[in-house]
Amino acid sequence: IADLTVPGGMGGKEMAVELLAIDPTARIIVSSGYSSDPVMANFADYGFKAVIAKPYKMEALTATLQEVLRG
């Protein structure tokens, strides 16, 4: 699970580019409190397999993880 925005660090969008260059089969979930960000709306275009908006509940996290792990 990658946070879209990391102050002073590498954000999820940049991390996904680097990770997918190493492992194109990586299953990355993007998460953010900024639900209006284009990456959140079009997550698959950026290589993410799923999206989960913060704050999220355990049930939503569990469902998202199960969805991604099932492929």
PDB file of N, CA and C in Angstrom:
ATOM      1  N   ILE A   1       0.868  -1.167   0.000  1.00  0.00           N
ATOM      2  CA  ILE A   1       0.000   0.000   0.000  1.00  0.00           C
ATOM      3  C   ILE A   1       0.906   1.219   0.000  1.00  0.00           C
ATOM      4  N   ALA A   2       0.717   2.074  -0.988  1.00  0.00           N
ATOM      5  CA  ALA A   2       1.560   3.253  -1.140  1.00  0.00           C
ATOM      6  C   ALA A   2       0.746   4.511  -0.886  1.00  0.00           C
ATOM      7  N   ASP A   3       1.260   5.358  -0.020  1.00  0.00           N
ATOM      8  CA  ASP A   3       0.626   6.649   0.211  1.00  0.00           C
ATOM      9  C   ASP A   3       0.957   7.548  -0.974  1.00  0.00           C
ATOM     10  N   LEU A   4      -0.049   8.192  -1.518  1.00  0.00           N
ATOM     11  CA  LEU A   4       0.142   9.028  -2.696  1.00  0.00           C
ATOM     12  C   LEU A   4       1.067  10.206  -2.411  1.00  0.00           C
ATOM     13  N   THR A   5       0.920  10.807  -1.244  1.00  0.00           N
ATOM     14  CA  THR A   5       1.711  11.987  -0.901  1.00  0.00           C
ATOM     15  C   THR A   5       2.534  11.721   0.352  1.00  0.00           C
ATOM     16  N   VAL A   6       3.848  11.874   0.226  1.00  0.00           N
ATOM     17  CA  VAL A   6       4.753  11.701   1.361  1.00  0.00           C
ATOM     18  C   VAL A   6       5.600  12.968   1.449  1.00  0.00           C
ATOM     19  N   PRO A   7       5.255  13.879   2.361  1.00  0.00           N
ATOM     20  CA  PRO A   7       6.023  15.115   2.474  1.00  0.00           C
ATOM     21  C   PRO A   7       7.515  14.830   2.701  1.00  0.00           C
ATOM     22  N   GLY A   8       8.338  15.401   1.855  1.00  0.00           N
ATOM     23  CA  GLY A   8       9.777  15.223   1.986  1.00  0.00           C
ATOM     24  C   GLY A   8      10.284  13.875   1.513  1.00  0.00           C
ATOM     25  N   GLY A   9       9.410  13.068   0.921  1.00  0.00           N
ATOM     26  CA  GLY A   9       9.825  11.740   0.483  1.00  0.00           C
ATOM     27  C   GLY A   9       9.228  11.382  -0.862  1.00  0.00           C
ATOM     28  N   MET A  10       9.432  10.148  -1.258  1.00  0.00           N
ATOM     29  CA  MET A  10       8.913   9.667  -2.530  1.00  0.00           C
ATOM     30  C   MET A  10       7.443   9.296  -2.368  1.00  0.00           C
ATOM     31  N   GLY A  11       6.604   9.888  -3.185  1.00  0.00           N
ATOM     32  CA  GLY A  11       5.181   9.585  -3.146  1.00  0.00           C
ATOM     33  C   GLY A  11       4.868   8.293  -3.878  1.00  0.00           C
ATOM     34  N   GLY A  12       3.644   7.848  -3.737  1.00  0.00           N
ATOM     35  CA  GLY A  12       3.220   6.587  -4.317  1.00  0.00           C
ATOM     36  C   GLY A  12       3.328   6.518  -5.825  1.00  0.00           C
ATOM     37  N   LYS A  13       3.029   7.615  -6.499  1.00  0.00           N
ATOM     38  CA  LYS A  13       3.100   7.626  -7.963  1.00  0.00           C
ATOM     39  C   LYS A  13       4.529   7.371  -8.439  1.00  0.00           C
ATOM     40  N   GLU A  14       5.485   8.038  -7.827  1.00  0.00           N
ATOM     41  CA  GLU A  14       6.888   7.862  -8.193  1.00  0.00           C
ATOM     42  C   GLU A  14       7.391   6.475  -7.794  1.00  0.00           C
ATOM     43  N   MET A  15       6.964   6.022  -6.617  1.00  0.00           N
ATOM     44  CA  MET A  15       7.371   4.703  -6.146  1.00  0.00           C
ATOM     45  C   MET A  15       6.863   3.613  -7.081  1.00  0.00           C
ATOM     46  N   ALA A  16       5.628   3.764  -7.562  1.00  0.00           N
ATOM     47  CA  ALA A  16       5.049   2.760  -8.454  1.00  0.00           C
ATOM     48  C   ALA A  16       5.856   2.644  -9.743  1.00  0.00           C
ATOM     49  N   VAL A  17       6.283   3.768 -10.292  1.00  0.00           N
ATOM     50  CA  VAL A  17       7.094   3.748 -11.516  1.00  0.00           C
ATOM     51  C   VAL A  17       8.371   2.947 -11.277  1.00  0.00           C
ATOM     52  N   GLU A  18       9.041   3.222 -10.167  1.00  0.00           N
ATOM     53  CA  GLU A  18      10.302   2.535  -9.874  1.00  0.00           C
ATOM     54  C   GLU A  18      10.093   1.053  -9.569  1.00  0.00           C
ATOM     55  N   LEU A  19       9.073   0.739  -8.775  1.00  0.00           N
ATOM     56  CA  LEU A  19       8.818  -0.657  -8.422  1.00  0.00           C
ATOM     57  C   LEU A  19       8.391  -1.469  -9.642  1.00  0.00           C
ATOM     58  N   LEU A  20       7.527  -0.905 -10.476  1.00  0.00           N
ATOM     59  CA  LEU A  20       7.064  -1.634 -11.654  1.00  0.00           C
ATOM     60  C   LEU A  20       8.173  -1.824 -12.688  1.00  0.00           C
ATOM     61  N   ALA A  21       9.175  -0.953 -12.675  1.00  0.00           N
ATOM     62  CA  ALA A  21      10.330  -1.146 -13.554  1.00  0.00           C
ATOM     63  C   ALA A  21      11.136  -2.367 -13.117  1.00  0.00           C
ATOM     64  N   ILE A  22      11.139  -2.626 -11.819  1.00  0.00           N
ATOM     65  CA  ILE A  22      11.852  -3.784 -11.270  1.00  0.00           C
ATOM     66  C   ILE A  22      10.995  -5.040 -11.374  1.00  0.00           C
ATOM     67  N   ASP A  23       9.707  -4.899 -11.049  1.00  0.00           N
ATOM     68  CA  ASP A  23       8.785  -6.039 -11.048  1.00  0.00           C
ATOM     69  C   ASP A  23       7.450  -5.619 -11.657  1.00  0.00           C
ATOM     70  N   PRO A  24       7.286  -5.827 -12.954  1.00  0.00           N
ATOM     71  CA  PRO A  24       6.052  -5.415 -13.629  1.00  0.00           C
ATOM     72  C   PRO A  24       4.791  -6.117 -13.119  1.00  0.00           C
ATOM     73  N   THR A  25       4.956  -7.184 -12.339  1.00  0.00           N
ATOM     74  CA  THR A  25       3.790  -7.901 -11.814  1.00  0.00           C
ATOM     75  C   THR A  25       3.409  -7.446 -10.403  1.00  0.00           C
ATOM     76  N   ALA A  26       4.107  -6.443  -9.881  1.00  0.00           N
ATOM     77  CA  ALA A  26       3.822  -5.961  -8.524  1.00  0.00           C
ATOM     78  C   ALA A  26       2.371  -5.507  -8.421  1.00  0.00           C
ATOM     79  N   ARG A  27       1.749  -5.853  -7.319  1.00  0.00           N
ATOM     80  CA  ARG A  27       0.358  -5.460  -7.070  1.00  0.00           C
ATOM     81  C   ARG A  27       0.370  -4.357  -6.018  1.00  0.00           C
ATOM     82  N   ILE A  28       0.240  -3.131  -6.486  1.00  0.00           N
ATOM     83  CA  ILE A  28       0.362  -1.964  -5.617  1.00  0.00           C
ATOM     84  C   ILE A  28      -1.008  -1.322  -5.426  1.00  0.00           C
ATOM     85  N   ILE A  29      -1.299  -0.975  -4.193  1.00  0.00           N
ATOM     86  CA  ILE A  29      -2.531  -0.266  -3.845  1.00  0.00           C
ATOM     87  C   ILE A  29      -2.137   1.159  -3.497  1.00  0.00           C
ATOM     88  N   VAL A  30      -2.857   2.128  -4.031  1.00  0.00           N
ATOM     89  CA  VAL A  30      -2.594   3.525  -3.706  1.00  0.00           C
ATOM     90  C   VAL A  30      -3.608   3.989  -2.663  1.00  0.00           C
ATOM     91  N   SER A  31      -3.135   4.803  -1.739  1.00  0.00           N
ATOM     92  CA  SER A  31      -3.988   5.319  -0.677  1.00  0.00           C
ATOM     93  C   SER A  31      -3.703   6.798  -0.477  1.00  0.00           C
ATOM     94  N   SER A  32      -4.760   7.558  -0.197  1.00  0.00           N
ATOM     95  CA  SER A  32      -4.582   8.986   0.034  1.00  0.00           C
ATOM     96  C   SER A  32      -5.820   9.565   0.692  1.00  0.00           C
ATOM     97  N   GLY A  33      -5.617  10.670   1.354  1.00  0.00           N
ATOM     98  CA  GLY A  33      -6.732  11.443   1.883  1.00  0.00           C
ATOM     99  C   GLY A  33      -7.212  12.466   0.868  1.00  0.00           C
ATOM    100  N   TYR A  34      -6.486  12.583  -0.243  1.00  0.00           N
ATOM    101  CA  TYR A  34      -6.834  13.529  -1.305  1.00  0.00           C
ATOM    102  C   TYR A  34      -7.598  12.788  -2.396  1.00  0.00           C
ATOM    103  N   SER A  35      -8.871  12.555  -2.165  1.00  0.00           N
ATOM    104  CA  SER A  35      -9.657  11.730  -3.083  1.00  0.00           C
ATOM    105  C   SER A  35      -9.882  12.387  -4.439  1.00  0.00           C
ATOM    106  N   SER A  36      -9.668  13.694  -4.551  1.00  0.00           N
ATOM    107  CA  SER A  36      -9.874  14.370  -5.831  1.00  0.00           C
ATOM    108  C   SER A  36      -8.641  14.314  -6.732  1.00  0.00           C
ATOM    109  N   ASP A  37      -7.552  13.736  -6.251  1.00  0.00           N
ATOM    110  CA  ASP A  37      -6.339  13.630  -7.057  1.00  0.00           C
ATOM    111  C   ASP A  37      -6.598  12.730  -8.261  1.00  0.00           C
ATOM    112  N   PRO A  38      -6.134  13.115  -9.447  1.00  0.00           N
ATOM    113  CA  PRO A  38      -6.352  12.294 -10.648  1.00  0.00           C
ATOM    114  C   PRO A  38      -5.829  10.861 -10.519  1.00  0.00           C
ATOM    115  N   VAL A  39      -4.780  10.657  -9.753  1.00  0.00           N
ATOM    116  CA  VAL A  39      -4.248   9.304  -9.566  1.00  0.00           C
ATOM    117  C   VAL A  39      -5.278   8.429  -8.859  1.00  0.00           C
ATOM    118  N   MET A  40      -5.988   8.991  -7.906  1.00  0.00           N
ATOM    119  CA  MET A  40      -7.002   8.223  -7.180  1.00  0.00           C
ATOM    120  C   MET A  40      -8.166   7.854  -8.100  1.00  0.00           C
ATOM    121  N   ALA A  41      -8.528   8.745  -8.995  1.00  0.00           N
ATOM    122  CA  ALA A  41      -9.652   8.491  -9.905  1.00  0.00           C
ATOM    123  C   ALA A  41      -9.278   7.527 -11.026  1.00  0.00           C
ATOM    124  N   ASN A  42      -8.018   7.546 -11.438  1.00  0.00           N
ATOM    125  CA  ASN A  42      -7.561   6.744 -12.577  1.00  0.00           C
ATOM    126  C   ASN A  42      -6.374   5.871 -12.178  1.00  0.00           C
ATOM    127  N   PHE A  43      -6.481   5.216 -11.044  1.00  0.00           N
ATOM    128  CA  PHE A  43      -5.353   4.497 -10.452  1.00  0.00           C
ATOM    129  C   PHE A  43      -4.720   3.474 -11.387  1.00  0.00           C
ATOM    130  N   ALA A  44      -5.513   2.782 -12.179  1.00  0.00           N
ATOM    131  CA  ALA A  44      -4.964   1.753 -13.072  1.00  0.00           C
ATOM    132  C   ALA A  44      -4.052   2.362 -14.137  1.00  0.00           C
ATOM    133  N   ASP A  45      -4.330   3.591 -14.537  1.00  0.00           N
ATOM    134  CA  ASP A  45      -3.485   4.268 -15.527  1.00  0.00           C
ATOM    135  C   ASP A  45      -2.069   4.499 -15.004  1.00  0.00           C
ATOM    136  N   TYR A  46      -1.907   4.452 -13.692  1.00  0.00           N
ATOM    137  CA  TYR A  46      -0.613   4.691 -13.058  1.00  0.00           C
ATOM    138  C   TYR A  46       0.030   3.397 -12.558  1.00  0.00           C
ATOM    139  N   GLY A  47      -0.572   2.266 -12.897  1.00  0.00           N
ATOM    140  CA  GLY A  47       0.004   0.976 -12.538  1.00  0.00           C
ATOM    141  C   GLY A  47      -0.486   0.380 -11.233  1.00  0.00           C
ATOM    142  N   PHE A  48      -1.406   1.061 -10.562  1.00  0.00           N
ATOM    143  CA  PHE A  48      -1.936   0.534  -9.305  1.00  0.00           C
ATOM    144  C   PHE A  48      -3.034  -0.484  -9.586  1.00  0.00           C
ATOM    145  N   LYS A  49      -3.162  -1.459  -8.714  1.00  0.00           N
ATOM    146  CA  LYS A  49      -4.193  -2.488  -8.864  1.00  0.00           C
ATOM    147  C   LYS A  49      -5.483  -2.129  -8.150  1.00  0.00           C
ATOM    148  N   ALA A  50      -5.396  -1.234  -7.174  1.00  0.00           N
ATOM    149  CA  ALA A  50      -6.586  -0.832  -6.421  1.00  0.00           C
ATOM    150  C   ALA A  50      -6.314   0.498  -5.741  1.00  0.00           C
ATOM    151  N   VAL A  51      -7.373   1.053  -5.196  1.00  0.00           N
ATOM    152  CA  VAL A  51      -7.290   2.333  -4.497  1.00  0.00           C
ATOM    153  C   VAL A  51      -8.093   2.226  -3.206  1.00  0.00           C
ATOM    154  N   ILE A  52      -7.611   2.897  -2.174  1.00  0.00           N
ATOM    155  CA  ILE A  52      -8.369   2.979  -0.928  1.00  0.00           C
ATOM    156  C   ILE A  52      -8.151   4.378  -0.353  1.00  0.00           C
ATOM    157  N   ALA A  53      -9.260   5.075  -0.129  1.00  0.00           N
ATOM    158  CA  ALA A  53      -9.187   6.447   0.372  1.00  0.00           C
ATOM    159  C   ALA A  53      -9.059   6.450   1.891  1.00  0.00           C
ATOM    160  N   LYS A  54      -8.252   7.382   2.389  1.00  0.00           N
ATOM    161  CA  LYS A  54      -8.096   7.546   3.838  1.00  0.00           C
ATOM    162  C   LYS A  54      -9.087   8.590   4.331  1.00  0.00           C
ATOM    163  N   PRO A  55      -9.555   8.466   5.526  1.00  0.00           N
ATOM    164  CA  PRO A  55      -9.331   7.331   6.426  1.00  0.00           C
ATOM    165  C   PRO A  55     -10.193   6.149   5.993  1.00  0.00           C
ATOM    166  N   TYR A  56      -9.681   4.961   6.175  1.00  0.00           N
ATOM    167  CA  TYR A  56     -10.454   3.778   5.794  1.00  0.00           C
ATOM    168  C   TYR A  56     -10.688   2.895   7.009  1.00  0.00           C
ATOM    169  N   LYS A  57     -11.738   2.124   6.900  1.00  0.00           N
ATOM    170  CA  LYS A  57     -12.101   1.189   7.968  1.00  0.00           C
ATOM    171  C   LYS A  57     -11.476  -0.174   7.672  1.00  0.00           C
ATOM    172  N   MET A  58     -11.334  -0.966   8.695  1.00  0.00           N
ATOM    173  CA  MET A  58     -10.726  -2.288   8.565  1.00  0.00           C
ATOM    174  C   MET A  58     -11.452  -3.132   7.516  1.00  0.00           C
ATOM    175  N   GLU A  59     -12.764  -3.013   7.454  1.00  0.00           N
ATOM    176  CA  GLU A  59     -13.535  -3.797   6.480  1.00  0.00           C
ATOM    177  C   GLU A  59     -13.160  -3.414   5.050  1.00  0.00           C
ATOM    178  N   ALA A  60     -12.993  -2.122   4.802  1.00  0.00           N
ATOM    179  CA  ALA A  60     -12.620  -1.662   3.458  1.00  0.00           C
ATOM    180  C   ALA A  60     -11.205  -2.106   3.115  1.00  0.00           C
ATOM    181  N   LEU A  61     -10.310  -2.035   4.081  1.00  0.00           N
ATOM    182  CA  LEU A  61      -8.937  -2.480   3.857  1.00  0.00           C
ATOM    183  C   LEU A  61      -8.903  -3.973   3.554  1.00  0.00           C
ATOM    184  N   THR A  62      -9.628  -4.749   4.333  1.00  0.00           N
ATOM    185  CA  THR A  62      -9.673  -6.200   4.128  1.00  0.00           C
ATOM    186  C   THR A  62     -10.220  -6.539   2.744  1.00  0.00           C
ATOM    187  N   ALA A  63     -11.304  -5.889   2.352  1.00  0.00           N
ATOM    188  CA  ALA A  63     -11.909  -6.155   1.043  1.00  0.00           C
ATOM    189  C   ALA A  63     -10.956  -5.786  -0.092  1.00  0.00           C
ATOM    190  N   THR A  64     -10.272  -4.673   0.045  1.00  0.00           N
ATOM    191  CA  THR A  64      -9.329  -4.237  -0.990  1.00  0.00           C
ATOM    192  C   THR A  64      -8.159  -5.206  -1.098  1.00  0.00           C
ATOM    193  N   LEU A  65      -7.612  -5.611   0.034  1.00  0.00           N
ATOM    194  CA  LEU A  65      -6.502  -6.570   0.017  1.00  0.00           C
ATOM    195  C   LEU A  65      -6.925  -7.900  -0.599  1.00  0.00           C
ATOM    196  N   GLN A  66      -8.107  -8.379  -0.241  1.00  0.00           N
ATOM    197  CA  GLN A  66      -8.590  -9.639  -0.811  1.00  0.00           C
ATOM    198  C   GLN A  66      -8.758  -9.529  -2.322  1.00  0.00           C
ATOM    199  N   GLU A  67      -9.298  -8.418  -2.774  1.00  0.00           N
ATOM    200  CA  GLU A  67      -9.497  -8.195  -4.211  1.00  0.00           C
ATOM    201  C   GLU A  67      -8.165  -8.231  -4.956  1.00  0.00           C
ATOM    202  N   VAL A  68      -7.172  -7.553  -4.423  1.00  0.00           N
ATOM    203  CA  VAL A  68      -5.868  -7.480  -5.083  1.00  0.00           C
ATOM    204  C   VAL A  68      -5.150  -8.826  -5.026  1.00  0.00           C
ATOM    205  N   LEU A  69      -5.229  -9.503  -3.914  1.00  0.00           N
ATOM    206  CA  LEU A  69      -4.550 -10.793  -3.787  1.00  0.00           C
ATOM    207  C   LEU A  69      -5.177 -11.870  -4.668  1.00  0.00           C
ATOM    208  N   ARG A  70      -6.471 -11.753  -4.914  1.00  0.00           N
ATOM    209  CA  ARG A  70      -7.133 -12.704  -5.816  1.00  0.00           C
ATOM    210  C   ARG A  70      -6.725 -12.469  -7.263  1.00  0.00           C
ATOM    211  N   GLY A  71      -6.282 -11.253  -7.533  1.00  0.00           N
ATOM    212  CA  GLY A  71      -5.805 -10.926  -8.873  1.00  0.00           C
ATOM    213  C   GLY A  71      -6.897 -10.597  -9.792  1.00  0.00           C
TER     214      GLY A  71
END
